[in-house]
PDB file of N, CA and C in Angstrom:
ATOM      1  N   MET A   1     -50.926  98.483 -93.375  1.00  0.00           N
ATOM      2  CA  MET A   1     -51.018  97.447 -94.434  1.00  0.00           C
ATOM      3  C   MET A   1     -50.069  96.333 -94.041  1.00  0.00           C
ATOM      4  N   ILE A   2     -50.600  95.094 -94.042  1.00  0.00           N
ATOM      5  CA  ILE A   2     -49.797  93.890 -93.778  1.00  0.00           C
ATOM      6  C   ILE A   2     -50.080  92.914 -94.897  1.00  0.00           C
ATOM      7  N   THR A   3     -49.024  92.323 -95.472  1.00  0.00           N
ATOM      8  CA  THR A   3     -49.222  91.302 -96.480  1.00  0.00           C
ATOM      9  C   THR A   3     -49.539  89.982 -95.746  1.00  0.00           C
ATOM     10  N   PRO A   4     -50.204  89.092 -96.444  1.00  0.00           N
ATOM     11  CA  PRO A   4     -50.428  87.785 -95.841  1.00  0.00           C
ATOM     12  C   PRO A   4     -49.080  87.086 -95.635  1.00  0.00           C
ATOM     13  N   ASP A   5     -49.034  86.216 -94.648  1.00  0.00           N
ATOM     14  CA  ASP A   5     -47.786  85.385 -94.504  1.00  0.00           C
ATOM     15  C   ASP A   5     -47.455  84.607 -95.729  1.00  0.00           C
ATOM     16  N   GLU A   6     -46.220  84.607 -96.109  1.00  0.00           N
ATOM     17  CA  GLU A   6     -45.809  83.853 -97.276  1.00  0.00           C
ATOM     18  C   GLU A   6     -44.587  82.997 -96.926  1.00  0.00           C
ATOM     19  N   ASP A   7     -44.620  81.782 -97.415  1.00  0.00           N
ATOM     20  CA  ASP A   7     -43.534  80.823 -97.162  1.00  0.00           C
ATOM     21  C   ASP A   7     -42.380  81.161 -98.113  1.00  0.00           C
ATOM     22  N   VAL A   8     -41.261  81.616 -97.560  1.00  0.00           N
ATOM     23  CA  VAL A   8     -40.045  81.887 -98.349  1.00  0.00           C
ATOM     24  C   VAL A   8     -38.937  81.008 -97.829  1.00  0.00           C
ATOM     25  N   ASP A   9     -38.645  79.944 -98.565  1.00  0.00           N
ATOM     26  CA  ASP A   9     -37.604  79.052 -98.158  1.00  0.00           C
ATOM     27  C   ASP A   9     -37.819  78.513 -96.747  1.00  0.00           C
ATOM     28  N   GLY A  10     -39.087  78.184 -96.394  1.00  0.00           N
ATOM     29  CA  GLY A  10     -39.342  77.595 -95.105  1.00  0.00           C
ATOM     30  C   GLY A  10     -39.573  78.604 -94.010  1.00  0.00           C
ATOM     31  N   GLU A  11     -39.498  79.870 -94.285  1.00  0.00           N
ATOM     32  CA  GLU A  11     -39.738  80.911 -93.273  1.00  0.00           C
ATOM     33  C   GLU A  11     -41.040  81.621 -93.619  1.00  0.00           C
ATOM     34  N   MET A  12     -41.905  81.790 -92.598  1.00  0.00           N
ATOM     35  CA  MET A  12     -43.185  82.489 -92.823  1.00  0.00           C
ATOM     36  C   MET A  12     -42.946  83.986 -92.610  1.00  0.00           C
ATOM     37  N   LEU A  13     -42.965  84.696 -93.735  1.00  0.00           N
ATOM     38  CA  LEU A  13     -42.663  86.166 -93.702  1.00  0.00           C
ATOM     39  C   LEU A  13     -43.835  86.974 -94.105  1.00  0.00           C
ATOM     40  N   CYS A  14     -43.916  88.226 -93.597  1.00  0.00           N
ATOM     41  CA  CYS A  14     -44.873  89.187 -94.053  1.00  0.00           C
ATOM     42  C   CYS A  14     -44.253  90.567 -93.957  1.00  0.00           C
ATOM     43  N   ILE A  15     -44.863  91.517 -94.650  1.00  0.00           N
ATOM     44  CA  ILE A  15     -44.371  92.887 -94.691  1.00  0.00           C
ATOM     45  C   ILE A  15     -45.419  93.814 -94.147  1.00  0.00           C
ATOM     46  N   CYS A  16     -45.029  94.763 -93.333  1.00  0.00           N
ATOM     47  CA  CYS A  16     -45.959  95.665 -92.671  1.00  0.00           C
ATOM     48  C   CYS A  16     -45.461  97.084 -92.924  1.00  0.00           C
ATOM     49  N   ARG A  17     -46.342  98.022 -93.247  1.00  0.00           N
ATOM     50  CA  ARG A  17     -45.996  99.437 -93.390  1.00  0.00           C
ATOM     51  C   ARG A  17     -45.938 100.058 -92.000  1.00  0.00           C
ATOM     52  N   ILE A  18     -44.877 100.793 -91.683  1.00  0.00           N
ATOM     53  CA  ILE A  18     -44.720 101.466 -90.367  1.00  0.00           C
ATOM     54  C   ILE A  18     -44.871 102.970 -90.628  1.00  0.00           C
ATOM     55  N   SER A  19     -45.243 103.664 -89.585  1.00  0.00           N
ATOM     56  CA  SER A  19     -45.482 105.141 -89.772  1.00  0.00           C
ATOM     57  C   SER A  19     -44.448 106.060 -89.085  1.00  0.00           C
ATOM     58  N   ILE A  20     -43.829 105.614 -88.021  1.00  0.00           N
ATOM     59  CA  ILE A  20     -42.845 106.496 -87.372  1.00  0.00           C
ATOM     60  C   ILE A  20     -41.578 105.719 -87.067  1.00  0.00           C
ATOM     61  N   PRO A  21     -40.496 105.895 -87.780  1.00  0.00           N
ATOM     62  CA  PRO A  21     -40.397 106.684 -89.021  1.00  0.00           C
ATOM     63  C   PRO A  21     -41.063 105.906 -90.156  1.00  0.00           C
ATOM     64  N   THR A  22     -41.445 106.570 -91.201  1.00  0.00           N
ATOM     65  CA  THR A  22     -42.136 105.879 -92.300  1.00  0.00           C
ATOM     66  C   THR A  22     -41.214 104.897 -92.922  1.00  0.00           C
ATOM     67  N   GLY A  23     -41.719 103.725 -93.231  1.00  0.00           N
ATOM     68  CA  GLY A  23     -40.927 102.639 -93.809  1.00  0.00           C
ATOM     69  C   GLY A  23     -41.659 101.362 -93.813  1.00  0.00           C
ATOM     70  N   TYR A  24     -40.904 100.220 -93.773  1.00  0.00           N
ATOM     71  CA  TYR A  24     -41.487  98.878 -93.862  1.00  0.00           C
ATOM     72  C   TYR A  24     -40.779  98.034 -92.818  1.00  0.00           C
ATOM     73  N   GLU A  25     -41.555  97.091 -92.290  1.00  0.00           N
ATOM     74  CA  GLU A  25     -41.050  96.093 -91.378  1.00  0.00           C
ATOM     75  C   GLU A  25     -41.216  94.682 -91.980  1.00  0.00           C
ATOM     76  N   VAL A  26     -40.182  93.943 -92.013  1.00  0.00           N
ATOM     77  CA  VAL A  26     -40.305  92.534 -92.457  1.00  0.00           C
ATOM     78  C   VAL A  26     -40.392  91.653 -91.182  1.00  0.00           C
ATOM     79  N   ILE A  27     -41.447  90.865 -91.060  1.00  0.00           N
ATOM     80  CA  ILE A  27     -41.653  90.045 -89.890  1.00  0.00           C
ATOM     81  C   ILE A  27     -41.509  88.589 -90.238  1.00  0.00           C
ATOM     82  N   ASN A  28     -40.708  87.910 -89.444  1.00  0.00           N
ATOM     83  CA  ASN A  28     -40.524  86.452 -89.584  1.00  0.00           C
ATOM     84  C   ASN A  28     -41.234  85.793 -88.437  1.00  0.00           C
ATOM     85  N   ARG A  29     -42.215  84.913 -88.731  1.00  0.00           N
ATOM     86  CA  ARG A  29     -43.015  84.285 -87.698  1.00  0.00           C
ATOM     87  C   ARG A  29     -42.582  82.821 -87.456  1.00  0.00           C
ATOM     88  N   SER A  30     -41.381  82.434 -87.979  1.00  0.00           N
ATOM     89  CA  SER A  30     -40.968  81.051 -87.929  1.00  0.00           C
ATOM     90  C   SER A  30     -39.786  80.797 -87.035  1.00  0.00           C
ATOM     91  N   ARG A  31     -39.427  81.709 -86.216  1.00  0.00           N
ATOM     92  CA  ARG A  31     -38.253  81.514 -85.350  1.00  0.00           C
ATOM     93  C   ARG A  31     -38.593  81.154 -83.906  1.00  0.00           C
ATOM     94  N   CYS A  32     -37.983  80.119 -83.401  1.00  0.00           N
ATOM     95  CA  CYS A  32     -38.199  79.731 -82.052  1.00  0.00           C
ATOM     96  C   CYS A  32     -37.524  80.682 -81.090  1.00  0.00           C
ATOM     97  N   ASP A  33     -38.228  80.974 -79.995  1.00  0.00           N
ATOM     98  CA  ASP A  33     -37.712  81.868 -78.967  1.00  0.00           C
ATOM     99  C   ASP A  33     -37.044  81.004 -77.937  1.00  0.00           C
ATOM    100  N   TRP A  34     -35.698  81.073 -77.929  1.00  0.00           N
ATOM    101  CA  TRP A  34     -34.917  80.196 -77.050  1.00  0.00           C
ATOM    102  C   TRP A  34     -34.950  80.619 -75.540  1.00  0.00           C
ATOM    103  N   GLU A  35     -35.721  81.677 -75.264  1.00  0.00           N
ATOM    104  CA  GLU A  35     -35.915  82.043 -73.847  1.00  0.00           C
ATOM    105  C   GLU A  35     -36.668  80.952 -73.116  1.00  0.00           C
ATOM    106  N   TYR A  36     -37.469  80.242 -73.862  1.00  0.00           N
ATOM    107  CA  TYR A  36     -38.282  79.188 -73.260  1.00  0.00           C
ATOM    108  C   TYR A  36     -37.644  77.828 -73.613  1.00  0.00           C
ATOM    109  N   VAL A  37     -36.567  77.510 -72.966  1.00  0.00           N
ATOM    110  CA  VAL A  37     -35.813  76.260 -73.246  1.00  0.00           C
ATOM    111  C   VAL A  37     -36.703  75.081 -73.048  1.00  0.00           C
ATOM    112  N   GLY A  38     -36.575  74.144 -73.997  1.00  0.00           N
ATOM    113  CA  GLY A  38     -37.365  72.896 -73.858  1.00  0.00           C
ATOM    114  C   GLY A  38     -38.783  72.974 -74.414  1.00  0.00           C
ATOM    115  N   THR A  39     -39.184  74.129 -74.950  1.00  0.00           N
ATOM    116  CA  THR A  39     -40.486  74.231 -75.524  1.00  0.00           C
ATOM    117  C   THR A  39     -40.386  74.803 -76.940  1.00  0.00           C
ATOM    118  N   GLU A  40     -41.419  74.589 -77.666  1.00  0.00           N
ATOM    119  CA  GLU A  40     -41.476  75.175 -79.024  1.00  0.00           C
ATOM    120  C   GLU A  40     -42.325  76.413 -78.944  1.00  0.00           C
ATOM    121  N   HIS A  41     -41.740  77.474 -78.493  1.00  0.00           N
ATOM    122  CA  HIS A  41     -42.474  78.756 -78.357  1.00  0.00           C
ATOM    123  C   HIS A  41     -41.892  79.686 -79.446  1.00  0.00           C
ATOM    124  N   PHE A  42     -42.782  80.128 -80.313  1.00  0.00           N
ATOM    125  CA  PHE A  42     -42.327  81.001 -81.444  1.00  0.00           C
ATOM    126  C   PHE A  42     -42.652  82.436 -81.196  1.00  0.00           C
ATOM    127  N   GLU A  43     -41.721  83.320 -81.426  1.00  0.00           N
ATOM    128  CA  GLU A  43     -41.930  84.797 -81.288  1.00  0.00           C
ATOM    129  C   GLU A  43     -41.591  85.422 -82.627  1.00  0.00           C
ATOM    130  N   ASN A  44     -42.280  86.475 -82.946  1.00  0.00           N
ATOM    131  CA  ASN A  44     -41.983  87.187 -84.214  1.00  0.00           C
ATOM    132  C   ASN A  44     -40.588  87.827 -84.101  1.00  0.00           C
ATOM    133  N   GLN A  45     -39.795  87.726 -85.145  1.00  0.00           N
ATOM    134  CA  GLN A  45     -38.557  88.481 -85.258  1.00  0.00           C
ATOM    135  C   GLN A  45     -38.787  89.445 -86.413  1.00  0.00           C
ATOM    136  N   SER A  46     -38.225  90.639 -86.333  1.00  0.00           N
ATOM    137  CA  SER A  46     -38.481  91.614 -87.403  1.00  0.00           C
ATOM    138  C   SER A  46     -37.275  92.507 -87.569  1.00  0.00           C
ATOM    139  N   ILE A  47     -37.313  93.174 -88.733  1.00  0.00           N
ATOM    140  CA  ILE A  47     -36.329  94.192 -89.029  1.00  0.00           C
ATOM    141  C   ILE A  47     -37.087  95.360 -89.720  1.00  0.00           C
ATOM    142  N   GLU A  48     -36.713  96.567 -89.421  1.00  0.00           N
ATOM    143  CA  GLU A  48     -37.380  97.711 -90.022  1.00  0.00           C
ATOM    144  C   GLU A  48     -36.440  98.443 -90.895  1.00  0.00           C
ATOM    145  N   PHE A  49     -36.927  98.939 -92.041  1.00  0.00           N
ATOM    146  CA  PHE A  49     -36.208  99.749 -92.983  1.00  0.00           C
ATOM    147  C   PHE A  49     -37.009 101.045 -93.156  1.00  0.00           C
ATOM    148  N   ASN A  50     -36.404 102.247 -92.878  1.00  0.00           N
ATOM    149  CA  ASN A  50     -37.192 103.454 -93.133  1.00  0.00           C
ATOM    150  C   ASN A  50     -37.077 103.777 -94.634  1.00  0.00           C
ATOM    151  N   ASP A  51     -37.998 104.620 -95.104  1.00  0.00           N
ATOM    152  CA  ASP A  51     -38.088 104.965 -96.529  1.00  0.00           C
ATOM    153  C   ASP A  51     -36.762 105.488 -97.109  1.00  0.00           C
ATOM    154  N   TYR A  52     -36.095 106.321 -96.337  1.00  0.00           N
ATOM    155  CA  TYR A  52     -34.842 106.893 -96.807  1.00  0.00           C
ATOM    156  C   TYR A  52     -33.874 105.805 -97.150  1.00  0.00           C
ATOM    157  N   VAL A  53     -33.680 104.877 -96.195  1.00  0.00           N
ATOM    158  CA  VAL A  53     -32.685 103.795 -96.381  1.00  0.00           C
ATOM    159  C   VAL A  53     -33.079 102.926 -97.576  1.00  0.00           C
ATOM    160  N   LEU A  54     -34.343 102.573 -97.705  1.00  0.00           N
ATOM    161  CA  LEU A  54     -34.797 101.706 -98.778  1.00  0.00           C
ATOM    162  C   LEU A  54     -34.714 102.367-100.141  1.00  0.00           C
ATOM    163  N   PHE A  55     -35.233 103.572-100.250  1.00  0.00           N
ATOM    164  CA  PHE A  55     -35.312 104.198-101.588  1.00  0.00           C
ATOM    165  C   PHE A  55     -34.185 105.155-101.933  1.00  0.00           C
ATOM    166  N   ASP A  56     -33.877 106.071-101.053  1.00  0.00           N
ATOM    167  CA  ASP A  56     -32.870 107.093-101.379  1.00  0.00           C
ATOM    168  C   ASP A  56     -31.461 106.516-101.194  1.00  0.00           C
ATOM    169  N   ALA A  57     -31.218 105.727-100.210  1.00  0.00           N
ATOM    170  CA  ALA A  57     -29.847 105.180-100.013  1.00  0.00           C
ATOM    171  C   ALA A  57     -29.604 103.916-100.786  1.00  0.00           C
ATOM    172  N   GLY A  58     -30.597 103.388-101.495  1.00  0.00           N
ATOM    173  CA  GLY A  58     -30.444 102.302-102.442  1.00  0.00           C
ATOM    174  C   GLY A  58     -30.464 100.923-101.889  1.00  0.00           C
ATOM    175  N   VAL A  59     -30.937 100.671-100.709  1.00  0.00           N
ATOM    176  CA  VAL A  59     -30.981  99.352-100.125  1.00  0.00           C
ATOM    177  C   VAL A  59     -31.936  98.443-100.888  1.00  0.00           C
ATOM    178  N   LEU A  60     -33.088  98.947-101.292  1.00  0.00           N
ATOM    179  CA  LEU A  60     -34.043  98.133-102.078  1.00  0.00           C
ATOM    180  C   LEU A  60     -33.424  97.715-103.372  1.00  0.00           C
ATOM    181  N   GLU A  61     -32.776  98.581-104.040  1.00  0.00           N
ATOM    182  CA  GLU A  61     -32.137  98.300-105.310  1.00  0.00           C
ATOM    183  C   GLU A  61     -31.035  97.216-105.092  1.00  0.00           C
ATOM    184  N   TRP A  62     -30.252  97.338-104.006  1.00  0.00           N
ATOM    185  CA  TRP A  62     -29.229  96.394-103.656  1.00  0.00           C
ATOM    186  C   TRP A  62     -29.813  95.010-103.388  1.00  0.00           C
ATOM    187  N   ILE A  63     -30.961  94.957-102.654  1.00  0.00           N
ATOM    188  CA  ILE A  63     -31.601  93.712-102.383  1.00  0.00           C
ATOM    189  C   ILE A  63     -32.107  93.043-103.665  1.00  0.00           C
ATOM    190  N   GLU A  64     -32.754  93.841-104.488  1.00  0.00           N
ATOM    191  CA  GLU A  64     -33.304  93.314-105.767  1.00  0.00           C
ATOM    192  C   GLU A  64     -32.203  92.836-106.695  1.00  0.00           C
ATOM    193  N   SER A  65     -31.019  93.496-106.681  1.00  0.00           N
ATOM    194  CA  SER A  65     -29.943  93.122-107.580  1.00  0.00           C
ATOM    195  C   SER A  65     -29.313  91.754-107.199  1.00  0.00           C
ATOM    196  N   GLY A  66     -29.505  91.320-105.953  1.00  0.00           N
ATOM    197  CA  GLY A  66     -28.888  90.062-105.465  1.00  0.00           C
ATOM    198  C   GLY A  66     -27.450  90.229-105.064  1.00  0.00           C
ATOM    199  N   LYS A  67     -26.903  91.440-105.023  1.00  0.00           N
ATOM    200  CA  LYS A  67     -25.498  91.632-104.606  1.00  0.00           C
ATOM    201  C   LYS A  67     -25.308  91.318-103.162  1.00  0.00           C
ATOM    202  N   TRP A  68     -26.343  91.275-102.369  1.00  0.00           N
ATOM    203  CA  TRP A  68     -26.196  90.921-100.952  1.00  0.00           C
ATOM    204  C   TRP A  68     -25.754  89.496-100.764  1.00  0.00           C
ATOM    205  N   LYS A  69     -25.953  88.691-101.754  1.00  0.00           N
ATOM    206  CA  LYS A  69     -25.569  87.225-101.591  1.00  0.00           C
ATOM    207  C   LYS A  69     -24.034  87.069-101.431  1.00  0.00           C
ATOM    208  N   ALA A  70     -23.281  88.017-101.869  1.00  0.00           N
ATOM    209  CA  ALA A  70     -21.834  87.954-101.665  1.00  0.00           C
ATOM    210  C   ALA A  70     -21.422  88.020-100.239  1.00  0.00           C
ATOM    211  N   PHE A  71     -22.322  88.493 -99.363  1.00  0.00           N
ATOM    212  CA  PHE A  71     -22.062  88.651 -97.946  1.00  0.00           C
ATOM    213  C   PHE A  71     -22.562  87.497 -97.075  1.00  0.00           C
ATOM    214  N   VAL A  72     -23.174  86.476 -97.677  1.00  0.00           N
ATOM    215  CA  VAL A  72     -23.738  85.399 -96.917  1.00  0.00           C
ATOM    216  C   VAL A  72     -22.822  84.213 -96.946  1.00  0.00           C
TER     217      VAL A  72
END
């Protein structure tokens, strides 16, 4: 399952369900790959969260609460 790309503060993001380990991947399609200096070449950047971290360890609740903003 992949969500359609959505513009979030100028970043094109989507969410994908992963199976091993089970969880979710957040994909950012708006970042330039600086490996190709002098060109505008974009590569997906992503981060994966397994189900345990999101649900059992409370990361999803922490994200939803906005408490993460204290670290930015």
